[in-house]
Every structure is written in structure tokens, then in C-alpha cells.
PDB file of N, CA and C in Angstrom:
ATOM      1  N   MET A   1     109.102 111.730 116.065  1.00  0.00           N
ATOM      2  CA  MET A   1     110.145 110.797 116.379  1.00  0.00           C
ATOM      3  C   MET A   1     110.297 109.836 115.207  1.00  0.00           C
ATOM      4  N   HIS A   2     111.499 109.415 114.983  1.00  0.00           N
ATOM      5  CA  HIS A   2     111.800 108.479 113.912  1.00  0.00           C
ATOM      6  C   HIS A   2     112.177 107.143 114.543  1.00  0.00           C
ATOM      7  N   LEU A   3     111.870 106.059 113.888  1.00  0.00           N
ATOM      8  CA  LEU A   3     112.126 104.732 114.428  1.00  0.00           C
ATOM      9  C   LEU A   3     113.581 104.542 114.846  1.00  0.00           C
ATOM     10  N   ARG A   4     114.503 105.153 114.142  1.00  0.00           N
ATOM     11  CA  ARG A   4     115.918 104.982 114.491  1.00  0.00           C
ATOM     12  C   ARG A   4     116.278 105.666 115.813  1.00  0.00           C
ATOM     13  N   GLU A   5     115.380 106.509 116.344  1.00  0.00           N
ATOM     14  CA  GLU A   5     115.608 107.201 117.607  1.00  0.00           C
ATOM     15  C   GLU A   5     115.106 106.413 118.820  1.00  0.00           C
ATOM     16  N   VAL A   6     114.552 105.240 118.599  1.00  0.00           N
ATOM     17  CA  VAL A   6     113.990 104.433 119.678  1.00  0.00           C
ATOM     18  C   VAL A   6     115.047 104.097 120.725  1.00  0.00           C
ATOM     19  N   ASN A   7     116.264 103.892 120.332  1.00  0.00           N
ATOM     20  CA  ASN A   7     117.321 103.546 121.290  1.00  0.00           C
ATOM     21  C   ASN A   7     117.558 104.649 122.309  1.00  0.00           C
ATOM     22  N   GLY A   8     117.153 105.869 122.027  1.00  0.00           N
ATOM     23  CA  GLY A   8     117.322 106.978 122.950  1.00  0.00           C
ATOM     24  C   GLY A   8     116.236 107.069 124.013  1.00  0.00           C
ATOM     25  N   LEU A   9     115.203 106.233 123.911  1.00  0.00           N
ATOM     26  CA  LEU A   9     114.125 106.249 124.902  1.00  0.00           C
ATOM     27  C   LEU A   9     114.551 105.503 126.161  1.00  0.00           C
ATOM     28  N   ASP A  10     113.980 105.857 127.274  1.00  0.00           N
ATOM     29  CA  ASP A  10     114.246 105.210 128.557  1.00  0.00           C
ATOM     30  C   ASP A  10     113.638 103.810 128.541  1.00  0.00           C
ATOM     31  N   ALA A  11     114.470 102.792 128.597  1.00  0.00           N
ATOM     32  CA  ALA A  11     114.018 101.401 128.502  1.00  0.00           C
ATOM     33  C   ALA A  11     113.221 100.963 129.730  1.00  0.00           C
ATOM     34  N   ARG A  12     113.282 101.715 130.811  1.00  0.00           N
ATOM     35  CA  ARG A  12     112.552 101.355 132.033  1.00  0.00           C
ATOM     36  C   ARG A  12     111.097 101.788 131.989  1.00  0.00           C
ATOM     37  N   ARG A  13     110.727 102.561 130.997  1.00  0.00           N
ATOM     38  CA  ARG A  13     109.368 103.088 130.884  1.00  0.00           C
ATOM     39  C   ARG A  13     108.635 102.456 129.721  1.00  0.00           C
ATOM     40  N   ALA A  14     107.334 102.438 129.830  1.00  0.00           N
ATOM     41  CA  ALA A  14     106.491 101.964 128.720  1.00  0.00           C
ATOM     42  C   ALA A  14     106.051 103.179 127.917  1.00  0.00           C
ATOM     43  N   TYR A  15     106.145 103.086 126.609  1.00  0.00           N
ATOM     44  CA  TYR A  15     105.693 104.144 125.712  1.00  0.00           C
ATOM     45  C   TYR A  15     104.556 103.596 124.871  1.00  0.00           C
ATOM     46  N   TRP A  16     103.641 104.467 124.505  1.00  0.00           N
ATOM     47  CA  TRP A  16     102.468 104.090 123.737  1.00  0.00           C
ATOM     48  C   TRP A  16     102.453 104.842 122.418  1.00  0.00           C
ATOM     49  N   ILE A  17     101.969 104.182 121.380  1.00  0.00           N
ATOM     50  CA  ILE A  17     101.898 104.790 120.053  1.00  0.00           C
ATOM     51  C   ILE A  17     100.535 104.492 119.425  1.00  0.00           C
ATOM     52  N   PRO A  18     100.072 105.374 118.537  1.00  0.00           N
ATOM     53  CA  PRO A  18      98.888 105.039 117.747  1.00  0.00           C
ATOM     54  C   PRO A  18      99.323 104.135 116.587  1.00  0.00           C
ATOM     55  N   ALA A  19      98.646 103.023 116.458  1.00  0.00           N
ATOM     56  CA  ALA A  19      99.006 102.061 115.420  1.00  0.00           C
ATOM     57  C   ALA A  19      97.755 101.611 114.672  1.00  0.00           C
ATOM     58  N   VAL A  20      97.988 101.089 113.487  1.00  0.00           N
ATOM     59  CA  VAL A  20      96.883 100.672 112.624  1.00  0.00           C
ATOM     60  C   VAL A  20      97.333  99.453 111.820  1.00  0.00           C
ATOM     61  N   VAL A  21      96.372  98.608 111.478  1.00  0.00           N
ATOM     62  CA  VAL A  21      96.623  97.424 110.651  1.00  0.00           C
ATOM     63  C   VAL A  21      95.821  97.574 109.369  1.00  0.00           C
ATOM     64  N   ALA A  22      96.463  97.343 108.241  1.00  0.00           N
ATOM     65  CA  ALA A  22      95.777  97.448 106.947  1.00  0.00           C
ATOM     66  C   ALA A  22      94.651  96.412 106.888  1.00  0.00           C
ATOM     67  N   PRO A  23      93.404  96.856 106.702  1.00  0.00           N
ATOM     68  CA  PRO A  23      92.274  95.935 106.693  1.00  0.00           C
ATOM     69  C   PRO A  23      92.106  95.158 105.386  1.00  0.00           C
ATOM     70  N   GLU A  24      92.810  95.573 104.356  1.00  0.00           N
ATOM     71  CA  GLU A  24      92.665  94.913 103.053  1.00  0.00           C
ATOM     72  C   GLU A  24      93.925  95.136 102.220  1.00  0.00           C
ATOM     73  N   ARG A  25      94.051  94.347 101.191  1.00  0.00           N
ATOM     74  CA  ARG A  25      95.168  94.492 100.253  1.00  0.00           C
ATOM     75  C   ARG A  25      95.030  95.810  99.502  1.00  0.00           C
ATOM     76  N   ASP A  26      96.149  96.476  99.281  1.00  0.00           N
ATOM     77  CA  ASP A  26      96.185  97.757  98.571  1.00  0.00           C
ATOM     78  C   ASP A  26      95.219  98.771  99.198  1.00  0.00           C
ATOM     79  N   TRP A  27      95.244  98.814 100.491  1.00  0.00           N
ATOM     80  CA  TRP A  27      94.392  99.699 101.288  1.00  0.00           C
ATOM     81  C   TRP A  27      94.693 101.159 100.964  1.00  0.00           C
ATOM     82  N   PRO A  28      93.681 102.014 100.807  1.00  0.00           N
ATOM     83  CA  PRO A  28      93.903 103.431 100.488  1.00  0.00           C
ATOM     84  C   PRO A  28      94.748 104.179 101.533  1.00  0.00           C
ATOM     85  N   GLY A  29      94.751 103.705 102.779  1.00  0.00           N
ATOM     86  CA  GLY A  29      95.557 104.335 103.825  1.00  0.00           C
ATOM     87  C   GLY A  29      97.045 104.087 103.664  1.00  0.00           C
ATOM     88  N   ALA A  30      97.395 103.044 102.911  1.00  0.00           N
ATOM     89  CA  ALA A  30      98.788 102.697 102.623  1.00  0.00           C
ATOM     90  C   ALA A  30      98.805 101.952 101.291  1.00  0.00           C
ATOM     91  N   PRO A  31      98.727 102.683 100.183  1.00  0.00           N
ATOM     92  CA  PRO A  31      98.675 102.041  98.866  1.00  0.00           C
ATOM     93  C   PRO A  31      99.821 101.038  98.675  1.00  0.00           C
ATOM     94  N   GLY A  32      99.467  99.895  98.115  1.00  0.00           N
ATOM     95  CA  GLY A  32     100.459  98.841  97.885  1.00  0.00           C
ATOM     96  C   GLY A  32     100.643  97.919  99.073  1.00  0.00           C
ATOM     97  N   SER A  33      99.894  98.139 100.143  1.00  0.00           N
ATOM     98  CA  SER A  33     100.058  97.322 101.345  1.00  0.00           C
ATOM     99  C   SER A  33      99.393  95.965 101.180  1.00  0.00           C
ATOM    100  N   ARG A  34      99.800  95.058 102.041  1.00  0.00           N
ATOM    101  CA  ARG A  34      99.147  93.758 102.141  1.00  0.00           C
ATOM    102  C   ARG A  34      98.143  93.821 103.274  1.00  0.00           C
ATOM    103  N   ARG A  35      97.134  92.991 103.212  1.00  0.00           N
ATOM    104  CA  ARG A  35      96.184  92.909 104.319  1.00  0.00           C
ATOM    105  C   ARG A  35      96.945  92.433 105.557  1.00  0.00           C
ATOM    106  N   GLY A  36      96.737  93.114 106.678  1.00  0.00           N
ATOM    107  CA  GLY A  36      97.413  92.748 107.920  1.00  0.00           C
ATOM    108  C   GLY A  36      98.735  93.465 108.154  1.00  0.00           C
ATOM    109  N   SER A  37      99.174  94.284 107.207  1.00  0.00           N
ATOM    110  CA  SER A  37     100.413  95.051 107.401  1.00  0.00           C
ATOM    111  C   SER A  37     100.223  96.017 108.557  1.00  0.00           C
ATOM    112  N   ARG A  38     101.256  96.117 109.401  1.00  0.00           N
ATOM    113  CA  ARG A  38     101.178  96.962 110.595  1.00  0.00           C
ATOM    114  C   ARG A  38     101.897  98.289 110.367  1.00  0.00           C
ATOM    115  N   TYR A  39     101.284  99.353 110.848  1.00  0.00           N
ATOM    116  CA  TYR A  39     101.840 100.694 110.679  1.00  0.00           C
ATOM    117  C   TYR A  39     101.677 101.493 111.961  1.00  0.00           C
ATOM    118  N   VAL A  40     102.544 102.472 112.118  1.00  0.00           N
ATOM    119  CA  VAL A  40     102.352 103.504 113.133  1.00  0.00           C
ATOM    120  C   VAL A  40     101.682 104.677 112.428  1.00  0.00           C
ATOM    121  N   VAL A  41     101.179 105.632 113.197  1.00  0.00           N
ATOM    122  CA  VAL A  41     100.532 106.793 112.604  1.00  0.00           C
ATOM    123  C   VAL A  41     101.494 107.976 112.655  1.00  0.00           C
ATOM    124  N   ASN A  42     101.770 108.544 111.497  1.00  0.00           N
ATOM    125  CA  ASN A  42     102.630 109.723 111.413  1.00  0.00           C
ATOM    126  C   ASN A  42     101.861 110.902 111.999  1.00  0.00           C
ATOM    127  N   PRO A  43     102.432 111.590 113.002  1.00  0.00           N
ATOM    128  CA  PRO A  43     101.693 112.659 113.675  1.00  0.00           C
ATOM    129  C   PRO A  43     101.459 113.904 112.818  1.00  0.00           C
ATOM    130  N   GLU A  44     102.283 114.128 111.824  1.00  0.00           N
ATOM    131  CA  GLU A  44     102.138 115.314 110.980  1.00  0.00           C
ATOM    132  C   GLU A  44     101.141 115.101 109.849  1.00  0.00           C
ATOM    133  N   THR A  45     101.236 113.947 109.198  1.00  0.00           N
ATOM    134  CA  THR A  45     100.359 113.683 108.059  1.00  0.00           C
ATOM    135  C   THR A  45      99.099 112.907 108.443  1.00  0.00           C
ATOM    136  N   LEU A  46      99.111 112.304 109.634  1.00  0.00           N
ATOM    137  CA  LEU A  46      98.028 111.431 110.110  1.00  0.00           C
ATOM    138  C   LEU A  46      97.823 110.243 109.184  1.00  0.00           C
ATOM    139  N   ARG A  47      98.871 109.829 108.527  1.00  0.00           N
ATOM    140  CA  ARG A  47      98.834 108.678 107.615  1.00  0.00           C
ATOM    141  C   ARG A  47      99.625 107.507 108.195  1.00  0.00           C
ATOM    142  N   ALA A  48      99.412 106.345 107.623  1.00  0.00           N
ATOM    143  CA  ALA A  48     100.162 105.161 108.024  1.00  0.00           C
ATOM    144  C   ALA A  48     101.629 105.351 107.650  1.00  0.00           C
ATOM    145  N   SER A  49     102.502 104.964 108.563  1.00  0.00           N
ATOM    146  CA  SER A  49     103.939 105.127 108.350  1.00  0.00           C
ATOM    147  C   SER A  49     104.662 103.901 108.894  1.00  0.00           C
ATOM    148  N   ARG A  50     105.804 103.636 108.347  1.00  0.00           N
ATOM    149  CA  ARG A  50     106.630 102.542 108.850  1.00  0.00           C
ATOM    150  C   ARG A  50     107.568 103.004 109.955  1.00  0.00           C
ATOM    151  N   ASP A  51     107.864 104.318 109.998  1.00  0.00           N
ATOM    152  CA  ASP A  51     108.910 104.731 110.932  1.00  0.00           C
ATOM    153  C   ASP A  51     108.782 106.105 111.570  1.00  0.00           C
ATOM    154  N   GLU A  52     107.740 106.868 111.300  1.00  0.00           N
ATOM    155  CA  GLU A  52     107.582 108.189 111.921  1.00  0.00           C
ATOM    156  C   GLU A  52     106.337 108.185 112.798  1.00  0.00           C
ATOM    157  N   PHE A  53     106.528 108.510 114.083  1.00  0.00           N
ATOM    158  CA  PHE A  53     105.442 108.408 115.042  1.00  0.00           C
ATOM    159  C   PHE A  53     105.688 109.322 116.241  1.00  0.00           C
ATOM    160  N   ASP A  54     104.674 109.469 117.075  1.00  0.00           N
ATOM    161  CA  ASP A  54     104.795 110.129 118.369  1.00  0.00           C
ATOM    162  C   ASP A  54     104.707 109.048 119.429  1.00  0.00           C
ATOM    163  N   ALA A  55     105.592 109.104 120.419  1.00  0.00           N
ATOM    164  CA  ALA A  55     105.528 108.185 121.552  1.00  0.00           C
ATOM    165  C   ALA A  55     104.923 108.934 122.729  1.00  0.00           C
ATOM    166  N   PHE A  56     103.943 108.327 123.364  1.00  0.00           N
ATOM    167  CA  PHE A  56     103.254 108.928 124.498  1.00  0.00           C
ATOM    168  C   PHE A  56     103.666 108.226 125.782  1.00  0.00           C
ATOM    169  N   ASP A  57     103.613 108.967 126.875  1.00  0.00           N
ATOM    170  CA  ASP A  57     104.015 108.431 128.177  1.00  0.00           C
ATOM    171  C   ASP A  57     102.988 107.495 128.794  1.00  0.00           C
ATOM    172  N   SER A  58     101.751 107.598 128.354  1.00  0.00           N
ATOM    173  CA  SER A  58     100.710 106.741 128.919  1.00  0.00           C
ATOM    174  C   SER A  58      99.707 106.349 127.836  1.00  0.00           C
ATOM    175  N   ARG A  59      99.012 105.277 128.105  1.00  0.00           N
ATOM    176  CA  ARG A  59      97.972 104.831 127.186  1.00  0.00           C
ATOM    177  C   ARG A  59      96.877 105.896 127.088  1.00  0.00           C
ATOM    178  N   LEU A  60      96.558 106.496 128.226  1.00  0.00           N
ATOM    179  CA  LEU A  60      95.525 107.515 128.256  1.00  0.00           C
ATOM    180  C   LEU A  60      95.868 108.710 127.362  1.00  0.00           C
ATOM    181  N   SER A  61      97.109 109.181 127.416  1.00  0.00           N
ATOM    182  CA  SER A  61      97.474 110.329 126.576  1.00  0.00           C
ATOM    183  C   SER A  61      97.471 109.950 125.096  1.00  0.00           C
ATOM    184  N   CYS A  62      97.823 108.716 124.785  1.00  0.00           N
ATOM    185  CA  CYS A  62      97.777 108.248 123.393  1.00  0.00           C
ATOM    186  C   CYS A  62      96.318 108.172 122.915  1.00  0.00           C
ATOM    187  N   LEU A  63      95.447 107.622 123.752  1.00  0.00           N
ATOM    188  CA  LEU A  63      94.030 107.547 123.395  1.00  0.00           C
ATOM    189  C   LEU A  63      93.423 108.942 123.249  1.00  0.00           C
ATOM    190  N   HIS A  64      93.846 109.855 124.094  1.00  0.00           N
ATOM    191  CA  HIS A  64      93.372 111.238 124.007  1.00  0.00           C
ATOM    192  C   HIS A  64      93.769 111.844 122.660  1.00  0.00           C
ATOM    193  N   TRP A  65      95.011 111.616 122.229  1.00  0.00           N
ATOM    194  CA  TRP A  65      95.478 112.120 120.933  1.00  0.00           C
ATOM    195  C   TRP A  65      94.645 111.510 119.795  1.00  0.00           C
ATOM    196  N   ILE A  66      94.413 110.208 119.875  1.00  0.00           N
ATOM    197  CA  ILE A  66      93.619 109.530 118.844  1.00  0.00           C
ATOM    198  C   ILE A  66      92.214 110.140 118.778  1.00  0.00           C
ATOM    199  N   MET A  67      91.597 110.347 119.923  1.00  0.00           N
ATOM    200  CA  MET A  67      90.244 110.907 119.946  1.00  0.00           C
ATOM    201  C   MET A  67      90.222 112.342 119.416  1.00  0.00           C
ATOM    202  N   ASN A  68      91.224 113.130 119.740  1.00  0.00           N
ATOM    203  CA  ASN A  68      91.283 114.513 119.253  1.00  0.00           C
ATOM    204  C   ASN A  68      91.449 114.588 117.738  1.00  0.00           C
ATOM    205  N   HIS A  69      92.024 113.566 117.138  1.00  0.00           N
ATOM    206  CA  HIS A  69      92.273 113.547 115.695  1.00  0.00           C
ATOM    207  C   HIS A  69      91.392 112.529 114.964  1.00  0.00           C
ATOM    208  N   ARG A  70      90.358 112.053 115.648  1.00  0.00           N
ATOM    209  CA  ARG A  70      89.530 110.965 115.129  1.00  0.00           C
ATOM    210  C   ARG A  70      88.966 111.230 113.737  1.00  0.00           C
ATOM    211  N   ALA A  71      88.404 112.393 113.497  1.00  0.00           N
ATOM    212  CA  ALA A  71      87.783 112.683 112.195  1.00  0.00           C
ATOM    213  C   ALA A  71      88.819 112.640 111.077  1.00  0.00           C
ATOM    214  N   ALA A  72      89.955 113.269 111.286  1.00  0.00           N
ATOM    215  CA  ALA A  72      91.006 113.276 110.262  1.00  0.00           C
ATOM    216  C   ALA A  72      91.598 111.882 110.075  1.00  0.00           C
ATOM    217  N   LEU A  73      91.755 111.135 111.157  1.00  0.00           N
ATOM    218  CA  LEU A  73      92.287 109.774 111.052  1.00  0.00           C
ATOM    219  C   LEU A  73      91.332 108.878 110.269  1.00  0.00           C
ATOM    220  N   ASN A  74      90.046 109.009 110.513  1.00  0.00           N
ATOM    221  CA  ASN A  74      89.064 108.216 109.767  1.00  0.00           C
ATOM    222  C   ASN A  74      89.084 108.547 108.283  1.00  0.00           C
ATOM    223  N   GLN A  75      89.436 109.763 107.959  1.00  0.00           N
ATOM    224  CA  GLN A  75      89.507 110.169 106.558  1.00  0.00           C
ATOM    225  C   GLN A  75      90.774 109.651 105.886  1.00  0.00           C
ATOM    226  N   THR A  76      91.923 109.724 106.570  1.00  0.00           N
ATOM    227  CA  THR A  76      93.186 109.301 105.961  1.00  0.00           C
ATOM    228  C   THR A  76      93.440 107.806 106.095  1.00  0.00           C
ATOM    229  N   LEU A  77      92.784 107.165 107.065  1.00  0.00           N
ATOM    230  CA  LEU A  77      92.976 105.733 107.305  1.00  0.00           C
ATOM    231  C   LEU A  77      91.614 105.029 107.286  1.00  0.00           C
ATOM    232  N   PRO A  78      90.913 105.061 106.141  1.00  0.00           N
ATOM    233  CA  PRO A  78      89.537 104.564 106.079  1.00  0.00           C
ATOM    234  C   PRO A  78      89.419 103.064 106.359  1.00  0.00           C
ATOM    235  N   GLY A  79      88.401 102.736 107.149  1.00  0.00           N
ATOM    236  CA  GLY A  79      88.080 101.336 107.394  1.00  0.00           C
ATOM    237  C   GLY A  79      88.978 100.623 108.380  1.00  0.00           C
ATOM    238  N   ALA A  80      89.897 101.327 109.013  1.00  0.00           N
ATOM    239  CA  ALA A  80      90.822 100.686 109.943  1.00  0.00           C
ATOM    240  C   ALA A  80      90.615 101.221 111.352  1.00  0.00           C
ATOM    241  N   ALA A  81      90.882 100.370 112.315  1.00  0.00           N
ATOM    242  CA  ALA A  81      90.811 100.783 113.720  1.00  0.00           C
ATOM    243  C   ALA A  81      92.185 101.291 114.144  1.00  0.00           C
ATOM    244  N   ILE A  82      92.223 102.492 114.667  1.00  0.00           N
ATOM    245  CA  ILE A  82      93.465 103.060 115.181  1.00  0.00           C
ATOM    246  C   ILE A  82      93.490 102.741 116.660  1.00  0.00           C
ATOM    247  N   ARG A  83      94.544 102.075 117.102  1.00  0.00           N
ATOM    248  CA  ARG A  83      94.624 101.632 118.489  1.00  0.00           C
ATOM    249  C   ARG A  83      95.860 102.198 119.172  1.00  0.00           C
ATOM    250  N   ALA A  84      95.774 102.344 120.474  1.00  0.00           N
ATOM    251  CA  ALA A  84      96.940 102.704 121.284  1.00  0.00           C
ATOM    252  C   ALA A  84      97.615 101.390 121.671  1.00  0.00           C
ATOM    253  N   VAL A  85      98.873 101.227 121.280  1.00  0.00           N
ATOM    254  CA  VAL A  85      99.615 100.004 121.599  1.00  0.00           C
ATOM    255  C   VAL A  85     100.958 100.374 122.232  1.00  0.00           C
ATOM    256  N   ARG A  86     101.474  99.458 123.017  1.00  0.00           N
ATOM    257  CA  ARG A  86     102.789  99.690 123.613  1.00  0.00           C
ATOM    258  C   ARG A  86     103.850  99.588 122.523  1.00  0.00           C
ATOM    259  N   LEU A  87     104.747 100.551 122.523  1.00  0.00           N
ATOM    260  CA  LEU A  87     105.787 100.612 121.503  1.00  0.00           C
ATOM    261  C   LEU A  87     106.650  99.359 121.507  1.00  0.00           C
ATOM    262  N   ASP A  88     107.059  98.885 122.670  1.00  0.00           N
ATOM    263  CA  ASP A  88     107.913  97.700 122.725  1.00  0.00           C
ATOM    264  C   ASP A  88     107.221  96.481 122.132  1.00  0.00           C
ATOM    265  N   ARG A  89     105.942  96.303 122.421  1.00  0.00           N
ATOM    266  CA  ARG A  89     105.204  95.171 121.866  1.00  0.00           C
ATOM    267  C   ARG A  89     105.013  95.327 120.361  1.00  0.00           C
ATOM    268  N   TRP A  90     104.807  96.562 119.890  1.00  0.00           N
ATOM    269  CA  TRP A  90     104.654  96.778 118.451  1.00  0.00           C
ATOM    270  C   TRP A  90     105.959  96.432 117.738  1.00  0.00           C
ATOM    271  N   LEU A  91     107.087  96.875 118.289  1.00  0.00           N
ATOM    272  CA  LEU A  91     108.384  96.592 117.671  1.00  0.00           C
ATOM    273  C   LEU A  91     108.664  95.094 117.603  1.00  0.00           C
ATOM    274  N   LEU A  92     108.180  94.334 118.585  1.00  0.00           N
ATOM    275  CA  LEU A  92     108.378  92.888 118.600  1.00  0.00           C
ATOM    276  C   LEU A  92     107.338  92.146 117.767  1.00  0.00           C
ATOM    277  N   GLY A  93     106.350  92.864 117.224  1.00  0.00           N
ATOM    278  CA  GLY A  93     105.304  92.221 116.415  1.00  0.00           C
ATOM    279  C   GLY A  93     104.227  91.548 117.248  1.00  0.00           C
ATOM    280  N   LEU A  94     104.139  91.902 118.532  1.00  0.00           N
ATOM    281  CA  LEU A  94     103.144  91.280 119.415  1.00  0.00           C
ATOM    282  C   LEU A  94     101.824  92.030 119.431  1.00  0.00           C
ATOM    283  N   ASP A  95     101.812  93.269 118.997  1.00  0.00           N
ATOM    284  CA  ASP A  95     100.590  94.070 118.930  1.00  0.00           C
ATOM    285  C   ASP A  95     100.475  94.717 117.586  1.00  0.00           C
TER     286      ASP A  95
END
């Protein structure tokens, strides 16, 4: 899913995404980033992205995806915690 497709989602439902925050300046997971920069996780590359992500119907299914890809995520996003966050809150900058 691409960020520009968010308007096509059902606004009555909560969607969950894997998200990550850059733990340091020029973090290897997102070269050129600032510390604290927020990213979603691209489902194909398993890298930090500004606009390509998978939306899950529940927090549990998002956490399940994160756990299934944990080893690869730790390799591509070193030193950062990958969390399941609500898409609406992430878009508003609350999570």
C-alpha cells in the first residue's frame, strides 16, 4: 500500500502498521535521517520508508508479521524497536 491510498481505507476501522523511529542521526536503517525521524516499514524491502507499508486489520496480526520477520528487520533496521502502531495515530504524529 502507498500512503496516497490511505483515503481508500474504511475510516470506521482501525488499521495497524509496523513503524520505527530512527535511534540516531544518519541511522543505517535510513541514511541521512535525523534522530527521532518516524518511518513505516516497507513490506517488500523490510526497510524504513516514508510512504510504502502494509496495513493490518488488528494489532495482533501486525505483531505477528513483525515477529515472523524479526531477524530480517533487526538486520535492515539495526538498533531500533519496530512497533505495531495505529495508522491514524501515526499519520497524526501521535505514535
